[in-house]
C-alpha atoms as a PDB file:
ATOM      1  CA  MET A   1       3.776 -14.094   7.748  1.00  0.00           C
ATOM      2  CA  ASP A   2       0.085 -14.824   7.546  1.00  0.00           C
ATOM      3  CA  ILE A   3      -2.074 -12.358   5.559  1.00  0.00           C
ATOM      4  CA  ARG A   4      -5.843 -12.543   5.398  1.00  0.00           C
ATOM      5  CA  GLN A   5      -8.138 -10.235   3.437  1.00  0.00           C
ATOM      6  CA  SER A   6     -11.739  -9.393   4.142  1.00  0.00           C
ATOM      7  CA  LYS A   7     -14.123  -6.962   2.489  1.00  0.00           C
ATOM      8  CA  ASN A   8     -17.266  -5.287   3.755  1.00  0.00           C
ATOM      9  CA  GLY A   9     -18.843  -2.997   1.186  1.00  0.00           C
ATOM     10  CA  ASN A  10     -16.248  -0.422   0.147  1.00  0.00           C
ATOM     11  CA  HIS A  11     -13.923  -1.195   3.077  1.00  0.00           C
ATOM     12  CA  ALA A  12     -11.239  -3.896   3.185  1.00  0.00           C
ATOM     13  CA  VAL A  13      -9.067  -5.250   5.985  1.00  0.00           C
ATOM     14  CA  LEU A  14      -5.637  -6.806   5.611  1.00  0.00           C
ATOM     15  CA  SER A  15      -5.013  -8.826   8.773  1.00  0.00           C
ATOM     16  CA  LEU A  16      -1.334  -9.555   9.310  1.00  0.00           C
ATOM     17  CA  GLY A  17       0.110 -12.147  11.649  1.00  0.00           C
ATOM     18  CA  GLY A  18       3.549 -13.341  12.651  1.00  0.00           C
ATOM     19  CA  ARG A  19       6.804 -11.666  11.634  1.00  0.00           C
ATOM     20  CA  PHE A  20       6.418  -8.593   9.435  1.00  0.00           C
ATOM     21  CA  ASP A  21       9.876  -8.193   7.944  1.00  0.00           C
ATOM     22  CA  PHE A  22      11.634  -8.144   4.567  1.00  0.00           C
ATOM     23  CA  ASN A  23      10.746 -11.788   3.927  1.00  0.00           C
ATOM     24  CA  ALA A  24       7.077 -10.741   3.744  1.00  0.00           C
ATOM     25  CA  HIS A  25       7.685  -8.150   1.010  1.00  0.00           C
ATOM     26  CA  ARG A  26       6.334 -10.105  -1.963  1.00  0.00           C
ATOM     27  CA  GLU A  27       3.347 -11.519  -0.101  1.00  0.00           C
ATOM     28  CA  PHE A  28       2.374  -8.141   1.394  1.00  0.00           C
ATOM     29  CA  LYS A  29       2.702  -6.345  -1.944  1.00  0.00           C
ATOM     30  CA  GLY A  30       0.579  -8.982  -3.660  1.00  0.00           C
ATOM     31  CA  ALA A  31      -2.149  -8.681  -1.032  1.00  0.00           C
ATOM     32  CA  TYR A  32      -2.406  -4.895  -1.126  1.00  0.00           C
ATOM     33  CA  SER A  33      -1.993  -4.610  -4.910  1.00  0.00           C
ATOM     34  CA  ALA A  34      -5.163  -6.623  -5.440  1.00  0.00           C
ATOM     35  CA  LEU A  35      -7.073  -4.276  -3.115  1.00  0.00           C
ATOM     36  CA  LEU A  36      -5.673  -1.147  -4.759  1.00  0.00           C
ATOM     37  CA  ALA A  37      -6.805  -2.457  -8.140  1.00  0.00           C
ATOM     38  CA  ASP A  38     -10.348  -3.087  -6.858  1.00  0.00           C
ATOM     39  CA  SER A  39     -12.384  -0.008  -7.785  1.00  0.00           C
ATOM     40  CA  SER A  40     -15.108  -0.887  -5.271  1.00  0.00           C
ATOM     41  CA  ILE A  41     -12.705  -0.449  -2.325  1.00  0.00           C
ATOM     42  CA  ASN A  42     -12.329   3.084  -0.886  1.00  0.00           C
ATOM     43  CA  SER A  43     -10.531   2.353   2.382  1.00  0.00           C
ATOM     44  CA  ILE A  44      -8.163  -0.287   3.664  1.00  0.00           C
ATOM     45  CA  ALA A  45      -7.248  -1.034   7.266  1.00  0.00           C
ATOM     46  CA  VAL A  46      -4.103  -2.966   8.097  1.00  0.00           C
ATOM     47  CA  ASN A  47      -4.870  -4.982  11.230  1.00  0.00           C
ATOM     48  CA  LEU A  48      -1.633  -5.406  13.194  1.00  0.00           C
ATOM     49  CA  SER A  49      -3.061  -7.149  16.270  1.00  0.00           C
ATOM     50  CA  ALA A  50      -1.359 -10.494  15.517  1.00  0.00           C
ATOM     51  CA  VAL A  51       2.004  -9.088  14.377  1.00  0.00           C
ATOM     52  CA  ALA A  52       4.671 -10.531  16.669  1.00  0.00           C
ATOM     53  CA  TYR A  53       7.632  -8.698  15.129  1.00  0.00           C
ATOM     54  CA  LEU A  54       7.984  -5.561  13.013  1.00  0.00           C
ATOM     55  CA  ASP A  55      11.257  -4.210  11.624  1.00  0.00           C
ATOM     56  CA  SER A  56      12.383  -1.186   9.620  1.00  0.00           C
ATOM     57  CA  SER A  57      11.748  -2.895   6.287  1.00  0.00           C
ATOM     58  CA  ALA A  58       8.129  -3.436   7.340  1.00  0.00           C
ATOM     59  CA  LEU A  59       7.854   0.270   8.127  1.00  0.00           C
ATOM     60  CA  GLY A  60       9.175   0.981   4.646  1.00  0.00           C
ATOM     61  CA  MET A  61       6.633  -1.392   3.101  1.00  0.00           C
ATOM     62  CA  LEU A  62       3.835   0.416   4.938  1.00  0.00           C
ATOM     63  CA  LEU A  63       5.085   3.759   3.600  1.00  0.00           C
ATOM     64  CA  ILE A  64       5.205   2.447   0.028  1.00  0.00           C
ATOM     65  CA  PHE A  65       1.709   1.014   0.469  1.00  0.00           C
ATOM     66  CA  ARG A  66       0.521   4.413   1.699  1.00  0.00           C
ATOM     67  CA  GLU A  67       2.005   6.195  -1.337  1.00  0.00           C
ATOM     68  CA  ARG A  68       0.402   3.763  -3.767  1.00  0.00           C
ATOM     69  CA  ALA A  69      -2.926   3.975  -1.957  1.00  0.00           C
ATOM     70  CA  GLN A  70      -2.884   7.768  -2.144  1.00  0.00           C
ATOM     71  CA  ALA A  71      -2.185   7.542  -5.876  1.00  0.00           C
ATOM     72  CA  ALA A  72      -5.232   5.256  -6.160  1.00  0.00           C
ATOM     73  CA  ASN A  73      -7.374   7.636  -4.015  1.00  0.00           C
ATOM     74  CA  LYS A  74      -7.822   5.137  -1.205  1.00  0.00           C
ATOM     75  CA  GLN A  75      -7.644   5.783   2.537  1.00  0.00           C
ATOM     76  CA  ILE A  76      -5.275   3.686   4.639  1.00  0.00           C
ATOM     77  CA  SER A  77      -5.292   3.104   8.388  1.00  0.00           C
ATOM     78  CA  LEU A  78      -3.410   0.914  10.828  1.00  0.00           C
ATOM     79  CA  SER A  79      -5.558  -0.844  13.380  1.00  0.00           C
ATOM     80  CA  GLN A  80      -5.217  -2.705  16.669  1.00  0.00           C
ATOM     81  CA  PRO A  81      -1.425  -2.721  17.033  1.00  0.00           C
ATOM     82  CA  ASN A  82      -0.239  -4.629  20.084  1.00  0.00           C
ATOM     83  CA  PRO A  83       1.819  -2.722  22.703  1.00  0.00           C
ATOM     84  CA  THR A  84       5.170  -3.712  21.171  1.00  0.00           C
ATOM     85  CA  VAL A  85       4.118  -2.579  17.701  1.00  0.00           C
ATOM     86  CA  VAL A  86       2.670   0.644  19.148  1.00  0.00           C
ATOM     87  CA  LYS A  87       6.091   1.507  20.575  1.00  0.00           C
ATOM     88  CA  ILE A  88       7.771   0.940  17.207  1.00  0.00           C
ATOM     89  CA  LEU A  89       5.149   3.008  15.378  1.00  0.00           C
ATOM     90  CA  ASP A  90       5.537   5.801  17.957  1.00  0.00           C
ATOM     91  CA  ILE A  91       9.326   5.867  17.626  1.00  0.00           C
ATOM     92  CA  ALA A  92       8.929   6.071  13.837  1.00  0.00           C
ATOM     93  CA  ASN A  93       6.346   8.892  14.212  1.00  0.00           C
ATOM     94  CA  PHE A  94       3.837   6.927  12.141  1.00  0.00           C
ATOM     95  CA  HIS A  95       1.011   8.557  14.095  1.00  0.00           C
ATOM     96  CA  LYS A  96       1.785  11.717  12.085  1.00  0.00           C
ATOM     97  CA  ILE A  97       1.185  10.060   8.703  1.00  0.00           C
ATOM     98  CA  PHE A  98      -1.250   7.216   9.426  1.00  0.00           C
ATOM     99  CA  THR A  99      -4.527   6.982  11.258  1.00  0.00           C
ATOM    100  CA  ILE A 100      -3.843   4.437  13.991  1.00  0.00           C
ATOM    101  CA  SER A 101      -6.765   3.013  15.937  1.00  0.00           C
END
C-alpha cells in the first residue's frame, strides 16, 4: 500500500493507495501515529480515492485509528472513497461513526 501525508495548517491528509489489508497494518499505524503525536494537527482526513481493495482488517484498523484519534482530541474523516469502497463502508455502517465525504 502507498501512504502519503500532507499538512495544511492544522489539518492533515493521509492519502492511501492500492490494497488496504492486514499487510498494511504497520505502515498505516506508523503514518497515523506521527499525526496523532503532532500537537498542531486538529483534524485528519483519510483519502480513500486510490484504494483498490479494502478488507475487514482495514475496517478494524480504521476503527482503532478513530479510537486513538478521539483520545488525542482529533477529528477524523474518510474522504473520496471510490464506488467499491463506498459499498463496503455502507455495509459496515461506517457512515454512522465516521464523516464520509
